[in-house]
């Protein structure tokens, strides 16, 4: 995930953009992770997944968000990855 693209994205009103940016900063602050940490996670995911499947790295999207746990309803940080798959590698099948 390229967080700089997120901050420079177009579309939506300035109010919505500011709200999205603030939410992202609050999530990162509460989870105590930096954008550099997410880039390291992104690189590691690419390395591991690439052993098994061909992915479209340009479409890879990794976000840190918040989600509710089913068991107690507490809100916790969650790492969400959208990984476009080009094809499975033959040697793994």
PDB file of N, CA and C in Angstrom:
ATOM      1  N   UNK A   1       0.856  -1.186   0.000  1.00  0.00           N
ATOM      2  CA  UNK A   1       0.000   0.000   0.000  1.00  0.00           C
ATOM      3  C   UNK A   1       0.886   1.227   0.000  1.00  0.00           C
ATOM      4  N   UNK A   2       0.586   2.148  -0.841  1.00  0.00           N
ATOM      5  CA  UNK A   2       1.334   3.388  -0.901  1.00  0.00           C
ATOM      6  C   UNK A   2       0.523   4.458  -0.197  1.00  0.00           C
ATOM      7  N   UNK A   3       0.891   4.761   1.032  1.00  0.00           N
ATOM      8  CA  UNK A   3       0.129   5.736   1.810  1.00  0.00           C
ATOM      9  C   UNK A   3       0.221   7.128   1.203  1.00  0.00           C
ATOM     10  N   UNK A   4       1.280   7.388   0.457  1.00  0.00           N
ATOM     11  CA  UNK A   4       1.395   8.703  -0.160  1.00  0.00           C
ATOM     12  C   UNK A   4       0.348   8.879  -1.242  1.00  0.00           C
ATOM     13  N   UNK A   5      -0.015   7.780  -1.938  1.00  0.00           N
ATOM     14  CA  UNK A   5      -1.106   7.854  -2.900  1.00  0.00           C
ATOM     15  C   UNK A   5      -2.404   8.178  -2.180  1.00  0.00           C
ATOM     16  N   UNK A   6      -2.567   7.577  -0.999  1.00  0.00           N
ATOM     17  CA  UNK A   6      -3.784   7.821  -0.222  1.00  0.00           C
ATOM     18  C   UNK A   6      -3.911   9.310   0.099  1.00  0.00           C
ATOM     19  N   UNK A   7      -2.814   9.911   0.532  1.00  0.00           N
ATOM     20  CA  UNK A   7      -2.861  11.319   0.913  1.00  0.00           C
ATOM     21  C   UNK A   7      -2.991  12.241  -0.288  1.00  0.00           C
ATOM     22  N   UNK A   8      -2.613  11.771  -1.465  1.00  0.00           N
ATOM     23  CA  UNK A   8      -2.672  12.620  -2.635  1.00  0.00           C
ATOM     24  C   UNK A   8      -3.835  12.307  -3.555  1.00  0.00           C
ATOM     25  N   UNK A   9      -4.710  11.433  -3.102  1.00  0.00           N
ATOM     26  CA  UNK A   9      -5.789  11.008  -3.993  1.00  0.00           C
ATOM     27  C   UNK A   9      -6.742  12.149  -4.312  1.00  0.00           C
ATOM     28  N   UNK A  10      -7.423  12.001  -5.435  1.00  0.00           N
ATOM     29  CA  UNK A  10      -8.371  13.030  -5.838  1.00  0.00           C
ATOM     30  C   UNK A  10      -9.786  12.504  -5.684  1.00  0.00           C
ATOM     31  N   UNK A  11     -10.755  13.386  -5.830  1.00  0.00           N
ATOM     32  CA  UNK A  11     -12.159  12.984  -5.724  1.00  0.00           C
ATOM     33  C   UNK A  11     -12.694  13.280  -4.337  1.00  0.00           C
ATOM     34  N   UNK A  12     -13.984  13.480  -4.253  1.00  0.00           N
ATOM     35  CA  UNK A  12     -14.591  13.759  -2.960  1.00  0.00           C
ATOM     36  C   UNK A  12     -14.306  15.171  -2.529  1.00  0.00           C
ATOM     37  N   UNK A  13     -15.093  15.653  -1.628  1.00  0.00           N
ATOM     38  CA  UNK A  13     -14.883  16.994  -1.109  1.00  0.00           C
ATOM     39  C   UNK A  13     -13.739  17.033  -0.129  1.00  0.00           C
ATOM     40  N   UNK A  14     -13.245  18.223   0.135  1.00  0.00           N
ATOM     41  CA  UNK A  14     -12.119  18.354   1.057  1.00  0.00           C
ATOM     42  C   UNK A  14     -12.501  17.892   2.464  1.00  0.00           C
ATOM     43  N   UNK A  15     -13.759  18.047   2.817  1.00  0.00           N
ATOM     44  CA  UNK A  15     -14.220  17.569   4.130  1.00  0.00           C
ATOM     45  C   UNK A  15     -14.069  16.060   4.232  1.00  0.00           C
ATOM     46  N   UNK A  16     -14.486  15.331   3.192  1.00  0.00           N
ATOM     47  CA  UNK A  16     -14.389  13.871   3.197  1.00  0.00           C
ATOM     48  C   UNK A  16     -12.941  13.406   3.197  1.00  0.00           C
ATOM     49  N   UNK A  17     -12.117  14.074   2.423  1.00  0.00           N
ATOM     50  CA  UNK A  17     -10.697  13.727   2.368  1.00  0.00           C
ATOM     51  C   UNK A  17     -10.047  13.946   3.732  1.00  0.00           C
ATOM     52  N   UNK A  18     -10.337  15.066   4.354  1.00  0.00           N
ATOM     53  CA  UNK A  18      -9.773  15.359   5.667  1.00  0.00           C
ATOM     54  C   UNK A  18     -10.240  14.331   6.701  1.00  0.00           C
ATOM     55  N   UNK A  19     -11.494  13.949   6.630  1.00  0.00           N
ATOM     56  CA  UNK A  19     -12.036  12.954   7.561  1.00  0.00           C
ATOM     57  C   UNK A  19     -11.333  11.616   7.377  1.00  0.00           C
ATOM     58  N   UNK A  20     -11.157  11.185   6.118  1.00  0.00           N
ATOM     59  CA  UNK A  20     -10.469   9.927   5.842  1.00  0.00           C
ATOM     60  C   UNK A  20      -9.031   9.952   6.351  1.00  0.00           C
ATOM     61  N   UNK A  21      -8.350  11.039   6.116  1.00  0.00           N
ATOM     62  CA  UNK A  21      -6.965  11.171   6.572  1.00  0.00           C
ATOM     63  C   UNK A  21      -6.877  11.102   8.091  1.00  0.00           C
ATOM     64  N   UNK A  22      -7.764  11.796   8.761  1.00  0.00           N
ATOM     65  CA  UNK A  22      -7.762  11.793  10.219  1.00  0.00           C
ATOM     66  C   UNK A  22      -8.038  10.394  10.763  1.00  0.00           C
ATOM     67  N   UNK A  23      -9.003   9.690  10.167  1.00  0.00           N
ATOM     68  CA  UNK A  23      -9.295   8.331  10.615  1.00  0.00           C
ATOM     69  C   UNK A  23      -8.085   7.432  10.444  1.00  0.00           C
ATOM     70  N   UNK A  24      -7.403   7.534   9.311  1.00  0.00           N
ATOM     71  CA  UNK A  24      -6.220   6.731   9.072  1.00  0.00           C
ATOM     72  C   UNK A  24      -5.131   7.041  10.106  1.00  0.00           C
ATOM     73  N   UNK A  25      -4.910   8.308  10.369  1.00  0.00           N
ATOM     74  CA  UNK A  25      -3.886   8.686  11.343  1.00  0.00           C
ATOM     75  C   UNK A  25      -4.235   8.188  12.741  1.00  0.00           C
ATOM     76  N   UNK A  26      -5.500   8.275  13.114  1.00  0.00           N
ATOM     77  CA  UNK A  26      -5.915   7.791  14.434  1.00  0.00           C
ATOM     78  C   UNK A  26      -5.737   6.282  14.552  1.00  0.00           C
ATOM     79  N   UNK A  27      -6.083   5.557  13.506  1.00  0.00           N
ATOM     80  CA  UNK A  27      -5.919   4.102  13.531  1.00  0.00           C
ATOM     81  C   UNK A  27      -4.449   3.743  13.676  1.00  0.00           C
ATOM     82  N   UNK A  28      -3.596   4.384  12.897  1.00  0.00           N
ATOM     83  CA  UNK A  28      -2.163   4.098  12.967  1.00  0.00           C
ATOM     84  C   UNK A  28      -1.611   4.463  14.336  1.00  0.00           C
ATOM     85  N   UNK A  29      -2.068   5.581  14.881  1.00  0.00           N
ATOM     86  CA  UNK A  29      -1.585   6.014  16.187  1.00  0.00           C
ATOM     87  C   UNK A  29      -2.007   5.033  17.278  1.00  0.00           C
ATOM     88  N   UNK A  30      -3.243   4.616  17.258  1.00  0.00           N
ATOM     89  CA  UNK A  30      -3.748   3.693  18.284  1.00  0.00           C
ATOM     90  C   UNK A  30      -3.120   2.315  18.160  1.00  0.00           C
ATOM     91  N   UNK A  31      -2.813   1.902  16.955  1.00  0.00           N
ATOM     92  CA  UNK A  31      -2.184   0.595  16.742  1.00  0.00           C
ATOM     93  C   UNK A  31      -0.666   0.688  16.898  1.00  0.00           C
ATOM     94  N   UNK A  32      -0.158   1.899  16.998  1.00  0.00           N
ATOM     95  CA  UNK A  32       1.262   2.159  17.201  1.00  0.00           C
ATOM     96  C   UNK A  32       2.116   1.583  16.055  1.00  0.00           C
ATOM     97  N   UNK A  33       1.694   1.814  14.806  1.00  0.00           N
ATOM     98  CA  UNK A  33       2.483   1.400  13.644  1.00  0.00           C
ATOM     99  C   UNK A  33       2.696   2.601  12.727  1.00  0.00           C
ATOM    100  N   UNK A  34       3.784   2.555  12.003  1.00  0.00           N
ATOM    101  CA  UNK A  34       4.118   3.653  11.097  1.00  0.00           C
ATOM    102  C   UNK A  34       3.832   3.236   9.657  1.00  0.00           C
ATOM    103  N   UNK A  35       3.775   4.200   8.746  1.00  0.00           N
ATOM    104  CA  UNK A  35       3.644   3.849   7.327  1.00  0.00           C
ATOM    105  C   UNK A  35       4.799   2.964   6.853  1.00  0.00           C
ATOM    106  N   UNK A  36       5.982   3.164   7.418  1.00  0.00           N
ATOM    107  CA  UNK A  36       7.129   2.335   7.054  1.00  0.00           C
ATOM    108  C   UNK A  36       6.890   0.881   7.465  1.00  0.00           C
ATOM    109  N   UNK A  37       6.231   0.685   8.609  1.00  0.00           N
ATOM    110  CA  UNK A  37       5.902  -0.666   9.054  1.00  0.00           C
ATOM    111  C   UNK A  37       4.975  -1.348   8.051  1.00  0.00           C
ATOM    112  N   UNK A  38       3.959  -0.626   7.585  1.00  0.00           N
ATOM    113  CA  UNK A  38       3.038  -1.199   6.604  1.00  0.00           C
ATOM    114  C   UNK A  38       3.757  -1.533   5.298  1.00  0.00           C
ATOM    115  N   UNK A  39       4.716  -0.713   4.896  1.00  0.00           N
ATOM    116  CA  UNK A  39       5.488  -1.004   3.688  1.00  0.00           C
ATOM    117  C   UNK A  39       6.335  -2.259   3.879  1.00  0.00           C
ATOM    118  N   UNK A  40       6.885  -2.459   5.078  1.00  0.00           N
ATOM    119  CA  UNK A  40       7.651  -3.676   5.354  1.00  0.00           C
ATOM    120  C   UNK A  40       6.730  -4.897   5.310  1.00  0.00           C
ATOM    121  N   UNK A  41       5.534  -4.787   5.888  1.00  0.00           N
ATOM    122  CA  UNK A  41       4.567  -5.880   5.857  1.00  0.00           C
ATOM    123  C   UNK A  41       4.202  -6.183   4.408  1.00  0.00           C
ATOM    124  N   UNK A  42       3.975  -5.141   3.625  1.00  0.00           N
ATOM    125  CA  UNK A  42       3.630  -5.310   2.206  1.00  0.00           C
ATOM    126  C   UNK A  42       4.720  -6.102   1.489  1.00  0.00           C
ATOM    127  N   UNK A  43       5.972  -5.715   1.696  1.00  0.00           N
ATOM    128  CA  UNK A  43       7.092  -6.409   1.058  1.00  0.00           C
ATOM    129  C   UNK A  43       7.182  -7.867   1.480  1.00  0.00           C
ATOM    130  N   UNK A  44       6.997  -8.124   2.758  1.00  0.00           N
ATOM    131  CA  UNK A  44       7.050  -9.501   3.254  1.00  0.00           C
ATOM    132  C   UNK A  44       5.901 -10.335   2.690  1.00  0.00           C
ATOM    133  N   UNK A  45       4.702  -9.755   2.619  1.00  0.00           N
ATOM    134  CA  UNK A  45       3.564 -10.479   2.042  1.00  0.00           C
ATOM    135  C   UNK A  45       3.830 -10.840   0.585  1.00  0.00           C
ATOM    136  N   UNK A  46       4.365  -9.883  -0.161  1.00  0.00           N
ATOM    137  CA  UNK A  46       4.682 -10.134  -1.568  1.00  0.00           C
ATOM    138  C   UNK A  46       5.687 -11.277  -1.680  1.00  0.00           C
ATOM    139  N   UNK A  47       6.728 -11.255  -0.851  1.00  0.00           N
ATOM    140  CA  UNK A  47       7.754 -12.300  -0.898  1.00  0.00           C
ATOM    141  C   UNK A  47       7.167 -13.679  -0.628  1.00  0.00           C
ATOM    142  N   UNK A  48       6.351 -13.800   0.409  1.00  0.00           N
ATOM    143  CA  UNK A  48       5.795 -15.093   0.790  1.00  0.00           C
ATOM    144  C   UNK A  48       4.763 -15.578  -0.220  1.00  0.00           C
ATOM    145  N   UNK A  49       3.842 -14.728  -0.586  1.00  0.00           N
ATOM    146  CA  UNK A  49       2.766 -15.122  -1.492  1.00  0.00           C
ATOM    147  C   UNK A  49       3.302 -15.437  -2.882  1.00  0.00           C
ATOM    148  N   UNK A  50       4.346 -14.740  -3.296  1.00  0.00           N
ATOM    149  CA  UNK A  50       4.912 -14.950  -4.632  1.00  0.00           C
ATOM    150  C   UNK A  50       5.505 -16.340  -4.803  1.00  0.00           C
ATOM    151  N   UNK A  51       5.785 -17.036  -3.706  1.00  0.00           N
ATOM    152  CA  UNK A  51       6.260 -18.419  -3.803  1.00  0.00           C
ATOM    153  C   UNK A  51       5.158 -19.341  -4.313  1.00  0.00           C
ATOM    154  N   UNK A  52       3.902 -18.963  -4.129  1.00  0.00           N
ATOM    155  CA  UNK A  52       2.779 -19.834  -4.444  1.00  0.00           C
ATOM    156  C   UNK A  52       1.909 -19.359  -5.615  1.00  0.00           C
ATOM    157  N   UNK A  53       1.789 -18.050  -5.752  1.00  0.00           N
ATOM    158  CA  UNK A  53       0.923 -17.501  -6.790  1.00  0.00           C
ATOM    159  C   UNK A  53       1.566 -16.268  -7.415  1.00  0.00           C
ATOM    160  N   UNK A  54       1.154 -15.967  -8.642  1.00  0.00           N
ATOM    161  CA  UNK A  54       1.568 -14.712  -9.267  1.00  0.00           C
ATOM    162  C   UNK A  54       0.525 -13.670  -8.928  1.00  0.00           C
ATOM    163  N   UNK A  55       0.979 -12.554  -8.390  1.00  0.00           N
ATOM    164  CA  UNK A  55       0.049 -11.497  -7.995  1.00  0.00           C
ATOM    165  C   UNK A  55       0.309 -10.233  -8.802  1.00  0.00           C
ATOM    166  N   UNK A  56      -0.695  -9.376  -8.836  1.00  0.00           N
ATOM    167  CA  UNK A  56      -0.576  -8.066  -9.464  1.00  0.00           C
ATOM    168  C   UNK A  56      -0.164  -7.084  -8.371  1.00  0.00           C
ATOM    169  N   UNK A  57       1.143  -6.840  -8.261  1.00  0.00           N
ATOM    170  CA  UNK A  57       1.648  -5.983  -7.187  1.00  0.00           C
ATOM    171  C   UNK A  57       1.092  -4.569  -7.252  1.00  0.00           C
ATOM    172  N   UNK A  58       0.795  -4.087  -8.458  1.00  0.00           N
ATOM    173  CA  UNK A  58       0.278  -2.724  -8.577  1.00  0.00           C
ATOM    174  C   UNK A  58      -1.124  -2.604  -7.979  1.00  0.00           C
ATOM    175  N   UNK A  59      -1.849  -3.714  -7.899  1.00  0.00           N
ATOM    176  CA  UNK A  59      -3.191  -3.701  -7.337  1.00  0.00           C
ATOM    177  C   UNK A  59      -3.245  -4.090  -5.880  1.00  0.00           C
ATOM    178  N   UNK A  60      -2.096  -4.448  -5.300  1.00  0.00           N
ATOM    179  CA  UNK A  60      -2.042  -4.850  -3.897  1.00  0.00           C
ATOM    180  C   UNK A  60      -2.412  -3.668  -3.005  1.00  0.00           C
ATOM    181  N   UNK A  61      -3.337  -3.892  -2.100  1.00  0.00           N
ATOM    182  CA  UNK A  61      -3.796  -2.830  -1.204  1.00  0.00           C
ATOM    183  C   UNK A  61      -3.822  -3.368   0.214  1.00  0.00           C
ATOM    184  N   UNK A  62      -3.037  -2.757   1.088  1.00  0.00           N
ATOM    185  CA  UNK A  62      -2.986  -3.168   2.487  1.00  0.00           C
ATOM    186  C   UNK A  62      -3.392  -1.983   3.335  1.00  0.00           C
ATOM    187  N   UNK A  63      -4.341  -2.240   4.230  1.00  0.00           N
ATOM    188  CA  UNK A  63      -4.835  -1.171   5.099  1.00  0.00           C
ATOM    189  C   UNK A  63      -4.874  -1.640   6.538  1.00  0.00           C
ATOM    190  N   UNK A  64      -4.671  -0.717   7.413  1.00  0.00           N
ATOM    191  CA  UNK A  64      -4.871  -0.964   8.834  1.00  0.00           C
ATOM    192  C   UNK A  64      -6.183  -0.286   9.190  1.00  0.00           C
ATOM    193  N   UNK A  65      -7.097  -1.049   9.728  1.00  0.00           N
ATOM    194  CA  UNK A  65      -8.416  -0.524  10.043  1.00  0.00           C
ATOM    195  C   UNK A  65      -8.836  -1.026  11.421  1.00  0.00           C
ATOM    196  N   UNK A  66     -10.060  -0.776  11.776  1.00  0.00           N
ATOM    197  CA  UNK A  66     -10.582  -1.269  13.054  1.00  0.00           C
ATOM    198  C   UNK A  66     -11.799  -2.137  12.761  1.00  0.00           C
ATOM    199  N   UNK A  67     -11.950  -3.179  13.545  1.00  0.00           N
ATOM    200  CA  UNK A  67     -13.075  -4.084  13.379  1.00  0.00           C
ATOM    201  C   UNK A  67     -13.565  -4.542  14.749  1.00  0.00           C
ATOM    202  N   UNK A  68     -14.809  -4.987  14.794  1.00  0.00           N
ATOM    203  CA  UNK A  68     -15.364  -5.487  16.063  1.00  0.00           C
ATOM    204  C   UNK A  68     -15.156  -6.985  16.157  1.00  0.00           C
ATOM    205  N   UNK A  69     -14.717  -7.420  17.333  1.00  0.00           N
ATOM    206  CA  UNK A  69     -14.596  -8.853  17.583  1.00  0.00           C
ATOM    207  C   UNK A  69     -15.975  -9.431  17.818  1.00  0.00           C
ATOM    208  N   UNK A  70     -16.192 -10.643  17.307  1.00  0.00           N
ATOM    209  CA  UNK A  70     -17.491 -11.287  17.459  1.00  0.00           C
ATOM    210  C   UNK A  70     -17.768 -11.685  18.904  1.00  0.00           C
ATOM    211  N   UNK A  71     -16.742 -12.160  19.596  1.00  0.00           N
ATOM    212  CA  UNK A  71     -16.983 -12.710  20.928  1.00  0.00           C
ATOM    213  C   UNK A  71     -17.382 -11.681  21.973  1.00  0.00           C
ATOM    214  N   UNK A  72     -16.800 -10.472  21.899  1.00  0.00           N
ATOM    215  CA  UNK A  72     -17.134  -9.489  22.938  1.00  0.00           C
ATOM    216  C   UNK A  72     -17.494  -8.104  22.402  1.00  0.00           C
ATOM    217  N   UNK A  73     -17.446  -7.936  21.081  1.00  0.00           N
ATOM    218  CA  UNK A  73     -17.827  -6.659  20.483  1.00  0.00           C
ATOM    219  C   UNK A  73     -16.797  -5.556  20.628  1.00  0.00           C
ATOM    220  N   UNK A  74     -15.620  -5.876  21.187  1.00  0.00           N
ATOM    221  CA  UNK A  74     -14.571  -4.867  21.344  1.00  0.00           C
ATOM    222  C   UNK A  74     -14.016  -4.501  19.968  1.00  0.00           C
ATOM    223  N   UNK A  75     -13.651  -3.242  19.811  1.00  0.00           N
ATOM    224  CA  UNK A  75     -13.055  -2.782  18.568  1.00  0.00           C
ATOM    225  C   UNK A  75     -11.548  -2.955  18.655  1.00  0.00           C
ATOM    226  N   UNK A  76     -10.988  -3.644  17.647  1.00  0.00           N
ATOM    227  CA  UNK A  76      -9.552  -3.940  17.633  1.00  0.00           C
ATOM    228  C   UNK A  76      -8.972  -3.595  16.269  1.00  0.00           C
ATOM    229  N   UNK A  77      -7.659  -3.317  16.204  1.00  0.00           N
ATOM    230  CA  UNK A  77      -7.040  -3.067  14.908  1.00  0.00           C
ATOM    231  C   UNK A  77      -7.068  -4.330  14.054  1.00  0.00           C
ATOM    232  N   UNK A  78      -7.187  -4.164  12.733  1.00  0.00           N
ATOM    233  CA  UNK A  78      -7.182  -5.287  11.803  1.00  0.00           C
ATOM    234  C   UNK A  78      -6.370  -4.917  10.571  1.00  0.00           C
ATOM    235  N   UNK A  79      -5.579  -5.849  10.104  1.00  0.00           N
ATOM    236  CA  UNK A  79      -4.826  -5.667   8.874  1.00  0.00           C
ATOM    237  C   UNK A  79      -5.642  -6.306   7.754  1.00  0.00           C
ATOM    238  N   UNK A  80      -6.002  -5.508   6.763  1.00  0.00           N
ATOM    239  CA  UNK A  80      -6.821  -5.978   5.651  1.00  0.00           C
ATOM    240  C   UNK A  80      -5.983  -5.891   4.376  1.00  0.00           C
ATOM    241  N   UNK A  81      -5.890  -7.019   3.658  1.00  0.00           N
ATOM    242  CA  UNK A  81      -5.101  -7.053   2.431  1.00  0.00           C
ATOM    243  C   UNK A  81      -5.975  -7.492   1.267  1.00  0.00           C
ATOM    244  N   UNK A  82      -5.962  -6.711   0.210  1.00  0.00           N
ATOM    245  CA  UNK A  82      -6.633  -7.048  -1.038  1.00  0.00           C
ATOM    246  C   UNK A  82      -5.517  -7.374  -2.021  1.00  0.00           C
ATOM    247  N   UNK A  83      -5.429  -8.665  -2.416  1.00  0.00           N
ATOM    248  CA  UNK A  83      -4.303  -9.130  -3.222  1.00  0.00           C
ATOM    249  C   UNK A  83      -4.826  -9.720  -4.534  1.00  0.00           C
ATOM    250  N   UNK A  84      -4.720  -8.973  -5.641  1.00  0.00           N
ATOM    251  CA  UNK A  84      -5.180  -9.502  -6.931  1.00  0.00           C
ATOM    252  C   UNK A  84      -4.279 -10.644  -7.410  1.00  0.00           C
ATOM    253  N   UNK A  85      -4.897 -11.775  -7.755  1.00  0.00           N
ATOM    254  CA  UNK A  85      -4.159 -12.959  -8.185  1.00  0.00           C
ATOM    255  C   UNK A  85      -4.191 -13.040  -9.705  1.00  0.00           C
ATOM    256  N   UNK A  86      -3.009 -13.175 -10.311  1.00  0.00           N
ATOM    257  CA  UNK A  86      -2.920 -13.366 -11.764  1.00  0.00           C
ATOM    258  C   UNK A  86      -3.124 -14.836 -12.111  1.00  0.00           C
ATOM    259  N   UNK A  87      -2.342 -15.715 -11.452  1.00  0.00           N
ATOM    260  CA  UNK A  87      -2.512 -17.151 -11.658  1.00  0.00           C
ATOM    261  C   UNK A  87      -1.750 -17.928 -10.590  1.00  0.00           C
ATOM    262  N   UNK A  88      -2.166 -19.174 -10.423  1.00  0.00           N
ATOM    263  CA  UNK A  88      -1.480 -20.066  -9.487  1.00  0.00           C
ATOM    264  C   UNK A  88      -0.227 -20.580 -10.169  1.00  0.00           C
ATOM    265  N   UNK A  89       0.821 -20.793  -9.395  1.00  0.00           N
ATOM    266  CA  UNK A  89       2.049 -21.338  -9.950  1.00  0.00           C
ATOM    267  C   UNK A  89       1.905 -22.854 -10.093  1.00  0.00           C
ATOM    268  N   UNK A  90       2.363 -23.381 -11.182  1.00  0.00           N
ATOM    269  CA  UNK A  90       2.217 -24.812 -11.509  1.00  0.00           C
ATOM    270  C   UNK A  90       2.939 -25.718 -10.513  1.00  0.00           C
ATOM    271  N   UNK A  91       4.132 -25.350 -10.082  1.00  0.00           N
ATOM    272  CA  UNK A  91       4.918 -26.252  -9.229  1.00  0.00           C
ATOM    273  C   UNK A  91       4.258 -26.499  -7.884  1.00  0.00           C
ATOM    274  N   UNK A  92       3.354 -25.634  -7.465  1.00  0.00           N
ATOM    275  CA  UNK A  92       2.705 -25.771  -6.156  1.00  0.00           C
ATOM    276  C   UNK A  92       1.487 -26.672  -6.236  1.00  0.00           C
ATOM    277  N   UNK A  93       0.770 -26.662  -7.346  1.00  0.00           N
ATOM    278  CA  UNK A  93      -0.453 -27.456  -7.476  1.00  0.00           C
ATOM    279  C   UNK A  93      -0.125 -28.863  -7.330  1.00  0.00           C
TER     280      UNK A  93
END
